[in-house]
N, C-alpha and C. Protein backbone atom coordinates (compact mmCIF):
# COMPACT_ATOMS: atom_id res chain seq x y z
N GLY A 1 204.23 142.86 114.93
CA GLY A 1 204.80 143.53 116.19
C GLY A 1 203.66 144.98 115.68
N ALA A 2 203.93 145.91 116.82
CA ALA A 2 204.09 147.03 117.33
C ALA A 2 204.64 148.03 116.10
N ARG A 3 203.62 148.70 115.63
CA ARG A 3 204.35 149.74 114.80
C ARG A 3 204.53 151.11 115.39
N GLU A 4 205.76 151.80 115.54
CA GLU A 4 205.68 153.07 115.83
C GLU A 4 205.22 154.70 115.44
N SER A 5 204.48 154.78 115.97
CA SER A 5 203.63 156.24 114.90
C SER A 5 204.31 157.72 115.37
N SER A 6 204.89 158.46 114.71
CA SER A 6 204.78 159.98 115.01
C SER A 6 204.01 160.63 115.07
N GLY A 7 204.34 161.15 116.66
CA GLY A 7 203.37 162.10 117.23
C GLY A 7 201.79 161.21 117.35
N THR A 8 200.95 162.04 117.36
CA THR A 8 199.50 161.77 117.25
C THR A 8 199.01 160.82 115.97
N GLN A 9 199.80 160.88 115.15
CA GLN A 9 199.07 160.45 113.75
C GLN A 9 198.76 158.91 114.03
N LYS A 10 197.73 158.55 113.92
CA LYS A 10 196.92 157.38 113.83
C LYS A 10 196.55 156.74 112.34
N TYR A 11 197.13 155.57 112.30
CA TYR A 11 197.25 154.47 110.86
C TYR A 11 195.61 154.22 110.52
N PRO A 12 194.77 154.00 109.60
CA PRO A 12 193.88 153.63 108.99
C PRO A 12 194.29 152.13 108.94
N VAL A 13 193.23 151.31 109.23
CA VAL A 13 193.52 149.96 109.27
C VAL A 13 192.82 149.00 108.70
N MET A 14 193.47 147.51 108.24
CA MET A 14 192.80 146.67 107.39
C MET A 14 192.69 145.50 108.12
N VAL A 15 191.39 144.89 108.23
CA VAL A 15 191.52 143.52 109.01
C VAL A 15 191.06 142.40 107.39
N PHE A 16 192.03 141.51 107.48
CA PHE A 16 191.73 140.72 106.18
C PHE A 16 191.00 138.95 106.80
N VAL A 17 189.62 139.16 106.42
CA VAL A 17 189.36 137.71 106.74
C VAL A 17 189.91 136.33 105.55
N HIS A 18 190.81 135.64 105.98
CA HIS A 18 191.22 134.36 104.55
C HIS A 18 190.03 133.63 104.13
N GLY A 19 190.05 133.28 103.13
CA GLY A 19 189.05 132.65 102.37
C GLY A 19 189.58 131.35 102.41
N GLU A 20 189.32 130.20 100.96
CA GLU A 20 189.51 129.41 100.49
C GLU A 20 188.44 128.15 100.69
N SER A 21 187.92 128.39 102.30
CA SER A 21 186.86 127.21 102.45
C SER A 21 186.10 127.49 103.62
N TYR A 22 185.61 126.88 104.02
CA TYR A 22 185.00 126.77 105.56
C TYR A 22 185.24 126.00 106.16
N GLU A 23 185.83 125.02 105.46
CA GLU A 23 186.11 123.74 106.32
C GLU A 23 188.02 123.83 106.87
N TRP A 24 188.83 124.57 106.21
CA TRP A 24 190.29 124.71 106.67
C TRP A 24 190.88 126.28 105.56
N ASN A 25 192.19 126.37 106.85
CA ASN A 25 192.89 127.40 105.93
C ASN A 25 193.42 128.11 107.36
N SER A 26 193.96 129.50 107.03
CA SER A 26 194.67 130.28 108.06
C SER A 26 194.94 131.19 107.79
N GLY A 27 194.53 132.75 108.58
CA GLY A 27 195.37 133.68 108.15
C GLY A 27 196.81 133.82 108.07
N ASN A 28 197.20 132.79 108.93
CA ASN A 28 198.79 133.09 108.86
C ASN A 28 199.72 133.44 107.95
N PRO A 29 199.16 132.34 106.95
CA PRO A 29 200.57 132.84 105.86
C PRO A 29 200.09 133.73 105.01
N TYR A 30 199.43 134.90 105.18
CA TYR A 30 199.14 136.45 104.58
C TYR A 30 199.88 137.30 105.79
N ASP A 31 200.78 137.60 104.41
CA ASP A 31 201.93 138.60 105.05
C ASP A 31 201.26 140.08 104.69
N GLY A 32 200.78 140.87 105.55
CA GLY A 32 200.52 142.44 105.20
C GLY A 32 201.23 143.24 105.66
N SER A 33 202.95 143.16 105.35
CA SER A 33 203.34 144.25 105.51
C SER A 33 203.94 145.05 104.25
N VAL A 34 203.70 143.78 103.09
CA VAL A 34 204.01 145.06 101.89
C VAL A 34 202.92 145.94 101.65
N LEU A 35 201.84 145.22 101.67
CA LEU A 35 200.65 146.15 101.69
C LEU A 35 200.72 147.29 102.74
N ALA A 36 201.18 147.07 103.98
CA ALA A 36 200.99 148.03 105.02
C ALA A 36 201.97 149.08 104.67
N SER A 37 202.91 148.59 104.21
CA SER A 37 204.27 149.87 103.60
C SER A 37 203.95 150.27 102.27
N PHE A 38 202.80 149.57 101.65
CA PHE A 38 202.69 150.90 100.24
C PHE A 38 201.70 151.55 101.01
N GLY A 39 200.86 151.49 101.72
CA GLY A 39 199.19 152.01 102.00
C GLY A 39 199.10 152.81 103.12
N GLN A 40 200.49 152.71 103.91
CA GLN A 40 200.93 153.64 105.39
C GLN A 40 199.54 153.09 106.10
N ILE A 41 199.00 152.06 106.19
CA ILE A 41 198.25 151.55 106.64
C ILE A 41 198.44 150.15 107.74
N LEU A 42 197.38 149.76 108.54
CA LEU A 42 197.96 148.48 109.55
C LEU A 42 197.19 147.73 108.97
N VAL A 43 197.60 145.97 108.75
CA VAL A 43 197.11 145.12 108.21
C VAL A 43 197.08 144.25 109.38
N VAL A 44 195.65 143.79 109.54
CA VAL A 44 195.19 142.60 110.84
C VAL A 44 195.07 141.33 110.22
N THR A 45 195.53 140.36 110.36
CA THR A 45 194.98 139.08 109.95
C THR A 45 194.66 138.20 111.18
N ILE A 46 193.24 137.36 110.80
CA ILE A 46 192.68 136.71 112.10
C ILE A 46 192.57 135.63 111.46
N ASN A 47 192.10 134.62 112.26
CA ASN A 47 191.56 133.34 112.24
C ASN A 47 190.10 133.40 113.06
N TYR A 48 189.84 132.26 112.84
CA TYR A 48 188.04 132.09 113.11
C TYR A 48 187.88 130.65 113.33
N ARG A 49 186.79 130.11 113.76
CA ARG A 49 187.21 128.42 113.96
C ARG A 49 186.50 127.97 112.33
N LEU A 50 186.84 126.91 112.02
CA LEU A 50 186.01 126.36 110.49
C LEU A 50 185.59 124.92 110.71
N GLY A 51 185.30 124.67 109.99
CA GLY A 51 184.56 123.11 109.90
C GLY A 51 183.49 123.17 111.07
N ILE A 52 182.87 122.31 111.67
CA ILE A 52 181.94 121.71 112.19
C ILE A 52 182.14 122.54 113.65
N LEU A 53 183.59 122.67 113.61
CA LEU A 53 183.50 123.74 115.51
C LEU A 53 183.06 125.05 114.75
N GLY A 54 183.41 125.66 113.62
CA GLY A 54 182.46 127.20 113.51
C GLY A 54 181.34 127.25 112.63
N PHE A 55 181.08 126.24 111.91
CA PHE A 55 179.83 126.06 111.26
C PHE A 55 178.81 125.37 111.36
N LEU A 56 178.95 124.07 112.05
CA LEU A 56 177.83 123.19 112.15
C LEU A 56 176.81 123.89 113.02
N ASN A 57 175.31 124.23 112.28
CA ASN A 57 174.43 124.60 113.15
C ASN A 57 173.80 123.58 114.31
N ALA A 58 174.02 123.59 115.32
CA ALA A 58 173.74 122.06 116.63
C ALA A 58 172.47 122.93 116.92
N ASN A 59 171.58 124.09 116.71
CA ASN A 59 170.49 124.46 117.18
C ASN A 59 169.26 123.13 116.85
N ILE A 60 168.77 122.51 118.13
CA ILE A 60 168.05 121.54 117.56
C ILE A 60 166.49 121.94 117.63
N ASP A 61 166.36 123.52 118.11
CA ASP A 61 165.05 124.17 117.96
C ASP A 61 164.81 124.36 116.56
N ARG A 62 164.00 124.39 115.80
CA ARG A 62 164.20 124.97 114.17
C ARG A 62 163.04 126.24 114.22
N PHE A 63 163.06 126.47 115.14
CA PHE A 63 162.17 128.18 115.44
C PHE A 63 163.45 129.03 115.91
N SER A 64 164.65 128.11 116.21
CA SER A 64 165.53 129.36 117.05
C SER A 64 165.64 130.36 115.82
N LYS A 65 166.58 131.53 116.59
CA LYS A 65 167.05 132.85 115.23
C LYS A 65 168.44 132.83 115.68
N ALA A 66 168.93 131.57 116.30
CA ALA A 66 170.54 132.74 116.64
C ALA A 66 171.03 131.11 116.36
N PRO A 67 171.39 130.62 114.81
CA PRO A 67 172.36 129.74 114.56
C PRO A 67 173.53 129.76 115.11
N ALA A 68 174.06 128.65 115.32
CA ALA A 68 175.78 129.02 115.67
C ALA A 68 176.69 128.72 114.85
N ASN A 69 176.95 130.23 114.18
CA ASN A 69 177.92 130.39 113.48
C ASN A 69 178.97 130.60 114.03
N TYR A 70 179.82 130.26 114.92
CA TYR A 70 180.60 130.08 115.78
C TYR A 70 182.14 131.04 115.09
N GLY A 71 182.51 130.69 113.41
CA GLY A 71 183.20 131.29 112.78
C GLY A 71 183.10 132.54 112.76
N LEU A 72 181.53 133.07 112.40
CA LEU A 72 181.37 134.63 112.80
C LEU A 72 181.71 135.14 113.68
N MET A 73 181.25 134.46 114.90
CA MET A 73 181.07 135.02 116.20
C MET A 73 182.66 135.63 116.49
N ASP A 74 183.54 134.48 116.01
CA ASP A 74 184.89 134.25 116.25
C ASP A 74 185.24 135.92 115.37
N ILE A 75 185.02 136.29 114.08
CA ILE A 75 185.61 137.28 113.68
C ILE A 75 185.07 138.26 113.94
N ILE A 76 183.82 138.47 114.80
CA ILE A 76 182.96 139.35 115.40
C ILE A 76 183.77 140.04 116.87
N ALA A 77 183.98 138.89 117.64
CA ALA A 77 184.61 138.74 118.58
C ALA A 77 186.38 139.46 118.26
N ALA A 78 186.79 139.26 117.17
CA ALA A 78 188.40 139.84 116.63
C ALA A 78 187.76 141.39 116.21
N LEU A 79 186.99 141.84 115.56
CA LEU A 79 186.38 143.24 115.80
C LEU A 79 186.40 143.92 116.77
N HIS A 80 186.01 143.18 117.60
CA HIS A 80 185.65 144.02 119.09
C HIS A 80 187.17 144.22 120.10
N TRP A 81 187.69 143.24 119.68
CA TRP A 81 189.54 143.47 120.30
C TRP A 81 190.19 144.68 119.36
N ILE A 82 189.91 144.43 118.43
CA ILE A 82 190.64 145.56 117.42
C ILE A 82 190.34 146.78 117.69
N GLN A 83 188.91 147.06 118.29
CA GLN A 83 188.35 148.34 118.40
C GLN A 83 189.12 148.48 119.52
N GLU A 84 189.02 148.02 120.87
CA GLU A 84 189.38 148.17 121.92
C GLU A 84 191.22 148.40 122.03
N ASN A 85 191.49 147.86 121.40
CA ASN A 85 193.42 147.75 121.49
C ASN A 85 193.96 148.48 120.39
N ILE A 86 193.65 148.60 118.83
CA ILE A 86 194.18 148.94 118.04
C ILE A 86 195.14 150.06 118.39
N GLU A 87 194.61 151.33 119.03
CA GLU A 87 195.33 152.20 119.31
C GLU A 87 197.08 152.23 119.88
N GLY A 88 197.01 151.58 120.59
CA GLY A 88 198.36 150.29 121.59
C GLY A 88 199.37 149.99 120.32
N PHE A 89 198.70 149.87 118.96
CA PHE A 89 199.78 149.47 117.85
C PHE A 89 199.70 150.59 116.62
N GLY A 90 199.85 151.72 117.05
CA GLY A 90 199.36 153.06 116.11
C GLY A 90 198.21 153.04 115.09
N GLY A 91 197.43 152.55 115.39
CA GLY A 91 195.73 151.94 114.60
C GLY A 91 194.71 153.43 115.54
N ASP A 92 193.96 153.50 113.82
CA ASP A 92 192.84 154.66 114.11
C ASP A 92 191.23 153.53 114.50
N PRO A 93 190.99 153.26 115.82
CA PRO A 93 189.79 152.74 115.38
C PRO A 93 188.43 153.33 114.96
N ARG A 94 189.03 154.37 114.38
CA ARG A 94 187.71 155.13 113.54
C ARG A 94 187.83 154.94 112.34
N SER A 95 188.90 154.18 112.13
CA SER A 95 188.81 153.60 110.59
C SER A 95 189.67 152.48 110.25
N VAL A 96 188.41 151.42 110.50
CA VAL A 96 189.02 150.40 110.08
C VAL A 96 188.35 149.66 108.97
N THR A 97 188.58 148.99 107.62
CA THR A 97 187.68 148.05 106.57
C THR A 97 188.21 147.01 107.05
N LEU A 98 186.80 145.70 106.52
CA LEU A 98 187.16 144.66 106.73
C LEU A 98 187.06 144.23 105.31
N ALA A 99 188.17 143.66 104.83
CA ALA A 99 188.25 142.84 103.64
C ALA A 99 188.29 141.32 103.92
N GLY A 100 187.96 140.84 102.56
CA GLY A 100 188.37 139.21 102.57
C GLY A 100 188.14 138.35 101.24
N HIS A 101 188.86 137.58 100.86
CA HIS A 101 189.00 137.25 99.52
C HIS A 101 187.62 135.78 100.00
N GLY A 102 187.51 134.98 98.83
CA GLY A 102 186.78 133.37 98.69
C GLY A 102 185.68 133.54 99.83
N THR A 103 185.50 132.77 100.81
CA THR A 103 184.84 132.20 101.73
C THR A 103 185.07 133.32 103.02
N GLY A 104 186.01 134.06 103.23
CA GLY A 104 185.93 135.53 103.82
C GLY A 104 185.52 136.12 103.16
N ALA A 105 185.44 136.99 101.67
CA ALA A 105 184.78 137.66 101.58
C ALA A 105 183.04 137.45 102.33
N ALA A 106 182.57 136.40 101.80
CA ALA A 106 181.11 136.01 102.32
C ALA A 106 181.07 136.30 103.74
N CYS A 107 182.00 135.93 104.39
CA CYS A 107 181.82 136.30 105.83
C CYS A 107 181.69 137.59 106.30
N VAL A 108 182.65 138.75 105.54
CA VAL A 108 182.47 139.96 105.29
C VAL A 108 181.02 140.24 105.24
N HIS A 109 180.62 139.60 103.94
CA HIS A 109 179.03 140.18 103.54
C HIS A 109 178.48 140.16 104.25
N PHE A 110 178.39 139.01 105.38
CA PHE A 110 177.23 138.18 106.06
C PHE A 110 177.23 139.40 107.15
N LEU A 111 178.59 139.34 107.61
CA LEU A 111 178.84 140.91 108.51
C LEU A 111 178.44 141.87 108.25
N ILE A 112 178.40 142.30 107.27
CA ILE A 112 178.07 143.72 106.99
C ILE A 112 176.06 144.20 107.78
N ALA A 113 175.78 143.09 107.52
CA ALA A 113 174.57 143.43 108.02
C ALA A 113 173.97 142.83 109.62
N SER A 114 175.32 142.45 110.31
CA SER A 114 175.02 142.61 111.40
C SER A 114 174.74 143.52 112.64
N ALA A 115 173.81 143.50 113.54
CA ALA A 115 174.11 144.38 114.51
C ALA A 115 175.10 144.12 115.74
N ALA A 116 175.66 142.86 115.80
CA ALA A 116 176.82 142.50 116.53
C ALA A 116 178.30 142.94 116.02
N VAL A 117 178.33 143.80 114.95
CA VAL A 117 179.20 143.94 113.99
C VAL A 117 179.77 145.43 114.92
N PRO A 118 181.05 145.97 115.20
CA PRO A 118 180.98 147.67 115.86
C PRO A 118 181.55 148.35 114.64
N GLU A 119 180.79 149.29 114.69
CA GLU A 119 180.71 150.43 113.31
C GLU A 119 182.15 151.19 113.39
């Protein structure tokens, strides 16, 4: 739910990308409320496509420079949504940190080099 902010104070945002596997898992079981309360931050967990729907390279053109990493594209779409909407939840769109564990951390690593990720 939305956190009420006092006055114009905006909270920093941490976006958590779940890991475990490129084939299964979900961000749903991760409860960021404890971290949010101790860190005075908003914690956002996201979901993205996994398995062949998320990471199958369906390009048949071997010279294509646009592999079908739809899982990463889902994460990028979530980051764009957060940039556009997080203020409505008391968050600061200029202070967003992307974090993950396991394969989620690998996805974060891949996205660091992507021009498609909002700054």
